[in-house]
PDB file of N, CA and C in Angstrom:
ATOM      1  N   ALA A   1      -3.880   8.066   9.735  1.00  0.00           N
ATOM      2  CA  ALA A   1      -2.547   8.227   9.158  1.00  0.00           C
ATOM      3  C   ALA A   1      -1.842   6.877   9.161  1.00  0.00           C
ATOM      4  N   ILE A   2      -0.987   6.687   8.163  1.00  0.00           N
ATOM      5  CA  ILE A   2      -0.217   5.445   8.054  1.00  0.00           C
ATOM      6  C   ILE A   2       1.264   5.790   7.922  1.00  0.00           C
ATOM      7  N   PRO A   3       2.148   4.837   8.239  1.00  0.00           N
ATOM      8  CA  PRO A   3       3.589   5.097   8.084  1.00  0.00           C
ATOM      9  C   PRO A   3       3.923   5.387   6.617  1.00  0.00           C
ATOM     10  N   SER A   4       4.759   6.363   6.391  1.00  0.00           N
ATOM     11  CA  SER A   4       5.156   6.725   5.031  1.00  0.00           C
ATOM     12  C   SER A   4       5.767   5.553   4.283  1.00  0.00           C
ATOM     13  N   GLU A   5       6.459   4.666   4.987  1.00  0.00           N
ATOM     14  CA  GLU A   5       7.100   3.533   4.312  1.00  0.00           C
ATOM     15  C   GLU A   5       6.102   2.486   3.824  1.00  0.00           C
ATOM     16  N   ALA A   6       4.832   2.592   4.218  1.00  0.00           N
ATOM     17  CA  ALA A   6       3.794   1.680   3.721  1.00  0.00           C
ATOM     18  C   ALA A   6       3.256   2.136   2.367  1.00  0.00           C
ATOM     19  N   ILE A   7       3.689   3.310   1.911  1.00  0.00           N
ATOM     20  CA  ILE A   7       3.170   3.891   0.679  1.00  0.00           C
ATOM     21  C   ILE A   7       4.156   3.652  -0.454  1.00  0.00           C
ATOM     22  N   VAL A   8       3.635   3.149  -1.562  1.00  0.00           N
ATOM     23  CA  VAL A   8       4.443   3.008  -2.775  1.00  0.00           C
ATOM     24  C   VAL A   8       3.822   3.911  -3.834  1.00  0.00           C
ATOM     25  N   ARG A   9       4.665   4.392  -4.735  1.00  0.00           N
ATOM     26  CA  ARG A   9       4.191   5.287  -5.778  1.00  0.00           C
ATOM     27  C   ARG A   9       4.500   4.693  -7.135  1.00  0.00           C
ATOM     28  N   ARG A  10       3.547   4.862  -8.036  1.00  0.00           N
ATOM     29  CA  ARG A  10       3.729   4.374  -9.407  1.00  0.00           C
ATOM     30  C   ARG A  10       2.909   5.255 -10.333  1.00  0.00           C
ATOM     31  N   LYS A  11       3.569   5.785 -11.352  1.00  0.00           N
ATOM     32  CA  LYS A  11       2.915   6.614 -12.371  1.00  0.00           C
ATOM     33  C   LYS A  11       2.072   7.724 -11.756  1.00  0.00           C
ATOM     34  N   GLY A  12       2.631   8.400 -10.754  1.00  0.00           N
ATOM     35  CA  GLY A  12       1.959   9.540 -10.152  1.00  0.00           C
ATOM     36  C   GLY A  12       0.862   9.196  -9.163  1.00  0.00           C
ATOM     37  N   LYS A  13       0.661   7.918  -8.886  1.00  0.00           N
ATOM     38  CA  LYS A  13      -0.371   7.504  -7.935  1.00  0.00           C
ATOM     39  C   LYS A  13       0.284   6.876  -6.708  1.00  0.00           C
ATOM     40  N   SER A  14      -0.446   6.895  -5.603  1.00  0.00           N
ATOM     41  CA  SER A  14       0.041   6.314  -4.353  1.00  0.00           C
ATOM     42  C   SER A  14      -0.808   5.107  -3.988  1.00  0.00           C
ATOM     43  N   PHE A  15      -0.138   4.069  -3.482  1.00  0.00           N
ATOM     44  CA  PHE A  15      -0.793   2.822  -3.115  1.00  0.00           C
ATOM     45  C   PHE A  15      -0.287   2.313  -1.774  1.00  0.00           C
ATOM     46  N   ALA A  16      -1.094   1.457  -1.158  1.00  0.00           N
ATOM     47  CA  ALA A  16      -0.673   0.680   0.005  1.00  0.00           C
ATOM     48  C   ALA A  16      -1.164  -0.747  -0.241  1.00  0.00           C
ATOM     49  N   PHE A  17      -0.521  -1.698   0.401  1.00  0.00           N
ATOM     50  CA  PHE A  17      -0.925  -3.090   0.282  1.00  0.00           C
ATOM     51  C   PHE A  17      -1.670  -3.497   1.541  1.00  0.00           C
ATOM     52  N   VAL A  18      -2.922  -3.904   1.354  1.00  0.00           N
ATOM     53  CA  VAL A  18      -3.804  -4.300   2.450  1.00  0.00           C
ATOM     54  C   VAL A  18      -3.824  -5.819   2.515  1.00  0.00           C
ATOM     55  N   GLU A  19      -3.582  -6.368   3.698  1.00  0.00           N
ATOM     56  CA  GLU A  19      -3.619  -7.822   3.874  1.00  0.00           C
ATOM     57  C   GLU A  19      -5.069  -8.265   4.023  1.00  0.00           C
ATOM     58  N   GLU A  20      -5.541  -9.051   3.047  1.00  0.00           N
ATOM     59  CA  GLU A  20      -6.919  -9.548   3.082  1.00  0.00           C
ATOM     60  C   GLU A  20      -7.030 -10.806   3.928  1.00  0.00           C
ATOM     61  N   THR A  21      -6.111 -11.719   3.761  1.00  0.00           N
ATOM     62  CA  THR A  21      -5.977 -12.928   4.573  1.00  0.00           C
ATOM     63  C   THR A  21      -4.483 -13.114   4.783  1.00  0.00           C
ATOM     64  N   PRO A  22      -4.069 -13.924   5.742  1.00  0.00           N
ATOM     65  CA  PRO A  22      -2.631 -14.075   5.979  1.00  0.00           C
ATOM     66  C   PRO A  22      -1.854 -14.409   4.702  1.00  0.00           C
ATOM     67  N   GLY A  23      -0.938 -13.512   4.354  1.00  0.00           N
ATOM     68  CA  GLY A  23      -0.096 -13.704   3.188  1.00  0.00           C
ATOM     69  C   GLY A  23      -0.708 -13.293   1.862  1.00  0.00           C
ATOM     70  N   LYS A  24      -1.938 -12.796   1.849  1.00  0.00           N
ATOM     71  CA  LYS A  24      -2.597 -12.366   0.612  1.00  0.00           C
ATOM     72  C   LYS A  24      -2.913 -10.884   0.715  1.00  0.00           C
ATOM     73  N   PHE A  25      -2.403 -10.108  -0.253  1.00  0.00           N
ATOM     74  CA  PHE A  25      -2.533  -8.653  -0.217  1.00  0.00           C
ATOM     75  C   PHE A  25      -3.247  -8.146  -1.461  1.00  0.00           C
ATOM     76  N   ARG A  26      -3.904  -7.014  -1.302  1.00  0.00           N
ATOM     77  CA  ARG A  26      -4.447  -6.302  -2.454  1.00  0.00           C
ATOM     78  C   ARG A  26      -3.864  -4.891  -2.436  1.00  0.00           C
ATOM     79  N   ARG A  27      -3.651  -4.365  -3.605  1.00  0.00           N
ATOM     80  CA  ARG A  27      -3.114  -3.015  -3.724  1.00  0.00           C
ATOM     81  C   ARG A  27      -4.276  -2.031  -3.722  1.00  0.00           C
ATOM     82  N   ALA A  28      -4.240  -1.069  -2.814  1.00  0.00           N
ATOM     83  CA  ALA A  28      -5.296  -0.074  -2.689  1.00  0.00           C
ATOM     84  C   ALA A  28      -4.742   1.295  -3.082  1.00  0.00           C
ATOM     85  N   GLU A  29      -5.413   1.941  -4.026  1.00  0.00           N
ATOM     86  CA  GLU A  29      -5.004   3.289  -4.408  1.00  0.00           C
ATOM     87  C   GLU A  29      -5.425   4.264  -3.315  1.00  0.00           C
ATOM     88  N   LEU A  30      -4.529   5.175  -2.973  1.00  0.00           N
ATOM     89  CA  LEU A  30      -4.763   6.100  -1.867  1.00  0.00           C
ATOM     90  C   LEU A  30      -4.898   7.534  -2.348  1.00  0.00           C
ATOM     91  N   GLN A  31      -5.698   8.276  -1.621  1.00  0.00           N
ATOM     92  CA  GLN A  31      -5.710   9.737  -1.746  1.00  0.00           C
ATOM     93  C   GLN A  31      -5.099  10.237  -0.444  1.00  0.00           C
ATOM     94  N   LEU A  32      -3.972  10.933  -0.555  1.00  0.00           N
ATOM     95  CA  LEU A  32      -3.214  11.325   0.629  1.00  0.00           C
ATOM     96  C   LEU A  32      -3.381  12.790   0.976  1.00  0.00           C
ATOM     97  N   GLY A  33      -3.260  13.051   2.277  1.00  0.00           N
ATOM     98  CA  GLY A  33      -3.302  14.413   2.790  1.00  0.00           C
ATOM     99  C   GLY A  33      -1.937  14.794   3.334  1.00  0.00           C
ATOM    100  N   ALA A  34      -1.947  15.500   4.423  1.00  0.00           N
ATOM    101  CA  ALA A  34      -0.739  16.065   5.015  1.00  0.00           C
ATOM    102  C   ALA A  34       0.210  15.001   5.548  1.00  0.00           C
ATOM    103  N   THR A  35       1.469  15.400   5.657  1.00  0.00           N
ATOM    104  CA  THR A  35       2.494  14.585   6.305  1.00  0.00           C
ATOM    105  C   THR A  35       2.607  15.054   7.743  1.00  0.00           C
ATOM    106  N   ILE A  36       2.572  14.101   8.676  1.00  0.00           N
ATOM    107  CA  ILE A  36       2.719  14.404  10.098  1.00  0.00           C
ATOM    108  C   ILE A  36       3.862  13.549  10.610  1.00  0.00           C
ATOM    109  N   GLY A  37       5.025  14.143  10.756  1.00  0.00           N
ATOM    110  CA  GLY A  37       6.202  13.383  11.153  1.00  0.00           C
ATOM    111  C   GLY A  37       6.525  12.343  10.097  1.00  0.00           C
ATOM    112  N   SER A  38       6.545  11.072  10.481  1.00  0.00           N
ATOM    113  CA  SER A  38       6.839   9.994   9.534  1.00  0.00           C
ATOM    114  C   SER A  38       5.565   9.307   9.035  1.00  0.00           C
ATOM    115  N   GLN A  39       4.425   9.977   9.200  1.00  0.00           N
ATOM    116  CA  GLN A  39       3.143   9.403   8.796  1.00  0.00           C
ATOM    117  C   GLN A  39       2.481  10.286   7.745  1.00  0.00           C
ATOM    118  N   ARG A  40       1.613   9.665   6.947  1.00  0.00           N
ATOM    119  CA  ARG A  40       0.813  10.403   5.960  1.00  0.00           C
ATOM    120  C   ARG A  40      -0.655  10.198   6.283  1.00  0.00           C
ATOM    121  N   VAL A  41      -1.414  11.267   6.201  1.00  0.00           N
ATOM    122  CA  VAL A  41      -2.852  11.201   6.396  1.00  0.00           C
ATOM    123  C   VAL A  41      -3.473  10.598   5.138  1.00  0.00           C
ATOM    124  N   VAL A  42      -4.364   9.619   5.320  1.00  0.00           N
ATOM    125  CA  VAL A  42      -5.062   8.982   4.202  1.00  0.00           C
ATOM    126  C   VAL A  42      -6.479   9.547   4.152  1.00  0.00           C
ATOM    127  N   LEU A  43      -6.809  10.187   3.036  1.00  0.00           N
ATOM    128  CA  LEU A  43      -8.132  10.779   2.863  1.00  0.00           C
ATOM    129  C   LEU A  43      -9.113   9.775   2.272  1.00  0.00           C
ATOM    130  N   ALA A  44      -8.616   8.844   1.453  1.00  0.00           N
ATOM    131  CA  ALA A  44      -9.470   7.834   0.829  1.00  0.00           C
ATOM    132  C   ALA A  44      -8.615   6.653   0.396  1.00  0.00           C
ATOM    133  N   GLY A  45      -9.233   5.477   0.348  1.00  0.00           N
ATOM    134  CA  GLY A  45      -8.571   4.279  -0.145  1.00  0.00           C
ATOM    135  C   GLY A  45      -8.409   3.189   0.889  1.00  0.00           C
ATOM    136  N   LEU A  46      -8.482   3.552   2.167  1.00  0.00           N
ATOM    137  CA  LEU A  46      -8.381   2.570   3.251  1.00  0.00           C
ATOM    138  C   LEU A  46      -9.549   2.762   4.202  1.00  0.00           C
ATOM    139  N   LYS A  47      -9.810   1.706   4.973  1.00  0.00           N
ATOM    140  CA  LYS A  47     -10.815   1.851   6.021  1.00  0.00           C
ATOM    141  C   LYS A  47     -10.176   1.498   7.356  1.00  0.00           C
ATOM    142  N   ALA A  48     -10.766   1.965   8.422  1.00  0.00           N
ATOM    143  CA  ALA A  48     -10.240   1.714   9.763  1.00  0.00           C
ATOM    144  C   ALA A  48     -10.078   0.216   9.973  1.00  0.00           C
ATOM    145  N   GLY A  49      -8.952  -0.166  10.528  1.00  0.00           N
ATOM    146  CA  GLY A  49      -8.702  -1.564  10.824  1.00  0.00           C
ATOM    147  C   GLY A  49      -7.977  -2.321   9.735  1.00  0.00           C
ATOM    148  N   ASP A  50      -7.794  -1.721   8.534  1.00  0.00           N
ATOM    149  CA  ASP A  50      -7.038  -2.397   7.483  1.00  0.00           C
ATOM    150  C   ASP A  50      -5.628  -2.695   7.980  1.00  0.00           C
ATOM    151  N   GLN A  51      -5.169  -3.910   7.717  1.00  0.00           N
ATOM    152  CA  GLN A  51      -3.809  -4.310   8.060  1.00  0.00           C
ATOM    153  C   GLN A  51      -2.936  -4.086   6.832  1.00  0.00           C
ATOM    154  N   LEU A  52      -1.845  -3.355   7.001  1.00  0.00           N
ATOM    155  CA  LEU A  52      -1.004  -2.980   5.873  1.00  0.00           C
ATOM    156  C   LEU A  52       0.347  -3.663   5.909  1.00  0.00           C
ATOM    157  N   ALA A  53       0.889  -3.883   4.714  1.00  0.00           N
ATOM    158  CA  ALA A  53       2.291  -4.269   4.595  1.00  0.00           C
ATOM    159  C   ALA A  53       3.077  -2.972   4.731  1.00  0.00           C
ATOM    160  N   VAL A  54       3.970  -2.930   5.683  1.00  0.00           N
ATOM    161  CA  VAL A  54       4.758  -1.707   5.867  1.00  0.00           C
ATOM    162  C   VAL A  54       6.162  -1.937   5.328  1.00  0.00           C
ATOM    163  N   GLU A  55       6.934  -2.783   5.977  1.00  0.00           N
ATOM    164  CA  GLU A  55       8.309  -3.007   5.552  1.00  0.00           C
ATOM    165  C   GLU A  55       8.401  -3.707   4.203  1.00  0.00           C
ATOM    166  N   GLY A  56       7.413  -4.519   3.842  1.00  0.00           N
ATOM    167  CA  GLY A  56       7.456  -5.262   2.590  1.00  0.00           C
ATOM    168  C   GLY A  56       6.737  -4.604   1.431  1.00  0.00           C
ATOM    169  N   ALA A  57       6.250  -3.389   1.594  1.00  0.00           N
ATOM    170  CA  ALA A  57       5.460  -2.741   0.544  1.00  0.00           C
ATOM    171  C   ALA A  57       6.260  -2.563  -0.742  1.00  0.00           C
ATOM    172  N   PHE A  58       7.499  -2.126  -0.636  1.00  0.00           N
ATOM    173  CA  PHE A  58       8.319  -1.929  -1.825  1.00  0.00           C
ATOM    174  C   PHE A  58       8.550  -3.262  -2.533  1.00  0.00           C
ATOM    175  N   PHE A  59       8.797  -4.328  -1.778  1.00  0.00           N
ATOM    176  CA  PHE A  59       8.986  -5.657  -2.359  1.00  0.00           C
ATOM    177  C   PHE A  59       7.739  -6.099  -3.122  1.00  0.00           C
ATOM    178  N   LEU A  60       6.563  -5.939  -2.531  1.00  0.00           N
ATOM    179  CA  LEU A  60       5.320  -6.333  -3.198  1.00  0.00           C
ATOM    180  C   LEU A  60       5.139  -5.567  -4.507  1.00  0.00           C
ATOM    181  N   GLN A  61       5.410  -4.269  -4.497  1.00  0.00           N
ATOM    182  CA  GLN A  61       5.295  -3.477  -5.726  1.00  0.00           C
ATOM    183  C   GLN A  61       6.296  -3.959  -6.762  1.00  0.00           C
ATOM    184  N   SER A  62       7.504  -4.264  -6.347  1.00  0.00           N
ATOM    185  CA  SER A  62       8.524  -4.755  -7.281  1.00  0.00           C
ATOM    186  C   SER A  62       8.091  -6.056  -7.927  1.00  0.00           C
ATOM    187  N   GLU A  63       7.489  -6.937  -7.144  1.00  0.00           N
ATOM    188  CA  GLU A  63       7.029  -8.215  -7.678  1.00  0.00           C
ATOM    189  C   GLU A  63       5.901  -8.023  -8.691  1.00  0.00           C
ATOM    190  N   ILE A  64       5.017  -7.077  -8.435  1.00  0.00           N
ATOM    191  CA  ILE A  64       3.949  -6.778  -9.398  1.00  0.00           C
ATOM    192  C   ILE A  64       4.557  -6.271 -10.700  1.00  0.00           C
ATOM    193  N   GLU A  65       5.526  -5.375 -10.587  1.00  0.00           N
ATOM    194  CA  GLU A  65       6.148  -4.819 -11.788  1.00  0.00           C
ATOM    195  C   GLU A  65       6.890  -5.880 -12.588  1.00  0.00           C
ATOM    196  N   LYS A  66       7.452  -6.888 -11.915  1.00  0.00           N
ATOM    197  CA  LYS A  66       8.133  -7.982 -12.610  1.00  0.00           C
ATOM    198  C   LYS A  66       7.149  -8.983 -13.191  1.00  0.00           C
ATOM    199  N   GLY A  67       5.858  -8.875 -12.805  1.00  0.00           N
ATOM    200  CA  GLY A  67       4.859  -9.793 -13.315  1.00  0.00           C
ATOM    201  C   GLY A  67       4.689 -11.035 -12.473  1.00  0.00           C
ATOM    202  N   SER A  68       5.279 -11.049 -11.275  1.00  0.00           N
ATOM    203  CA  SER A  68       5.163 -12.218 -10.400  1.00  0.00           C
ATOM    204  C   SER A  68       3.796 -12.329  -9.751  1.00  0.00           C
ATOM    205  N   PHE A  69       3.100 -11.202  -9.606  1.00  0.00           N
ATOM    206  CA  PHE A  69       1.795 -11.172  -8.973  1.00  0.00           C
ATOM    207  C   PHE A  69       0.808 -10.483  -9.905  1.00  0.00           C
ATOM    208  N   GLU A  70      -0.459 -10.721  -9.665  1.00  0.00           N
ATOM    209  CA  GLU A  70      -1.496  -9.973 -10.371  1.00  0.00           C
ATOM    210  C   GLU A  70      -1.431  -8.530  -9.925  1.00  0.00           C
ATOM    211  N   ALA A  71      -1.974  -7.637 -10.718  1.00  0.00           N
ATOM    212  CA  ALA A  71      -1.951  -6.217 -10.377  1.00  0.00           C
ATOM    213  C   ALA A  71      -2.705  -5.916  -9.095  1.00  0.00           C
ATOM    214  N   GLY A  72      -3.763  -6.643  -8.808  1.00  0.00           N
ATOM    215  CA  GLY A  72      -4.560  -6.344  -7.629  1.00  0.00           C
ATOM    216  C   GLY A  72      -4.259  -7.214  -6.435  1.00  0.00           C
ATOM    217  N   HIS A  73      -3.661  -8.372  -6.654  1.00  0.00           N
ATOM    218  CA  HIS A  73      -3.423  -9.296  -5.554  1.00  0.00           C
ATOM    219  C   HIS A  73      -1.983  -9.797  -5.557  1.00  0.00           C
ATOM    220  N   ALA A  74      -1.438  -9.918  -4.375  1.00  0.00           N
ATOM    221  CA  ALA A  74      -0.079 -10.433  -4.220  1.00  0.00           C
ATOM    222  C   ALA A  74      -0.084 -11.457  -3.105  1.00  0.00           C
ATOM    223  N   HIS A  75       0.685 -12.496  -3.263  1.00  0.00           N
ATOM    224  CA  HIS A  75       0.783 -13.550  -2.240  1.00  0.00           C
ATOM    225  C   HIS A  75       2.187 -13.655  -1.726  1.00  0.00           C
TER     226      HIS A  75
END
């Protein structure tokens, strides 16, 4: 499960931003399960140990939508 605030939604899909190297993120499409408190169960799209952008997830998505970052990678 991951914090709900790490999840961004766009066009009916859910995503999280995974940090590949310090300051470099990729957007991962998620398949979500149940909500447990303030967390969401992830059924697919992440692997154990992935480091996520939590507080900055909305900012990263906004930058992609403005065209500041590539669709798959954000710095």
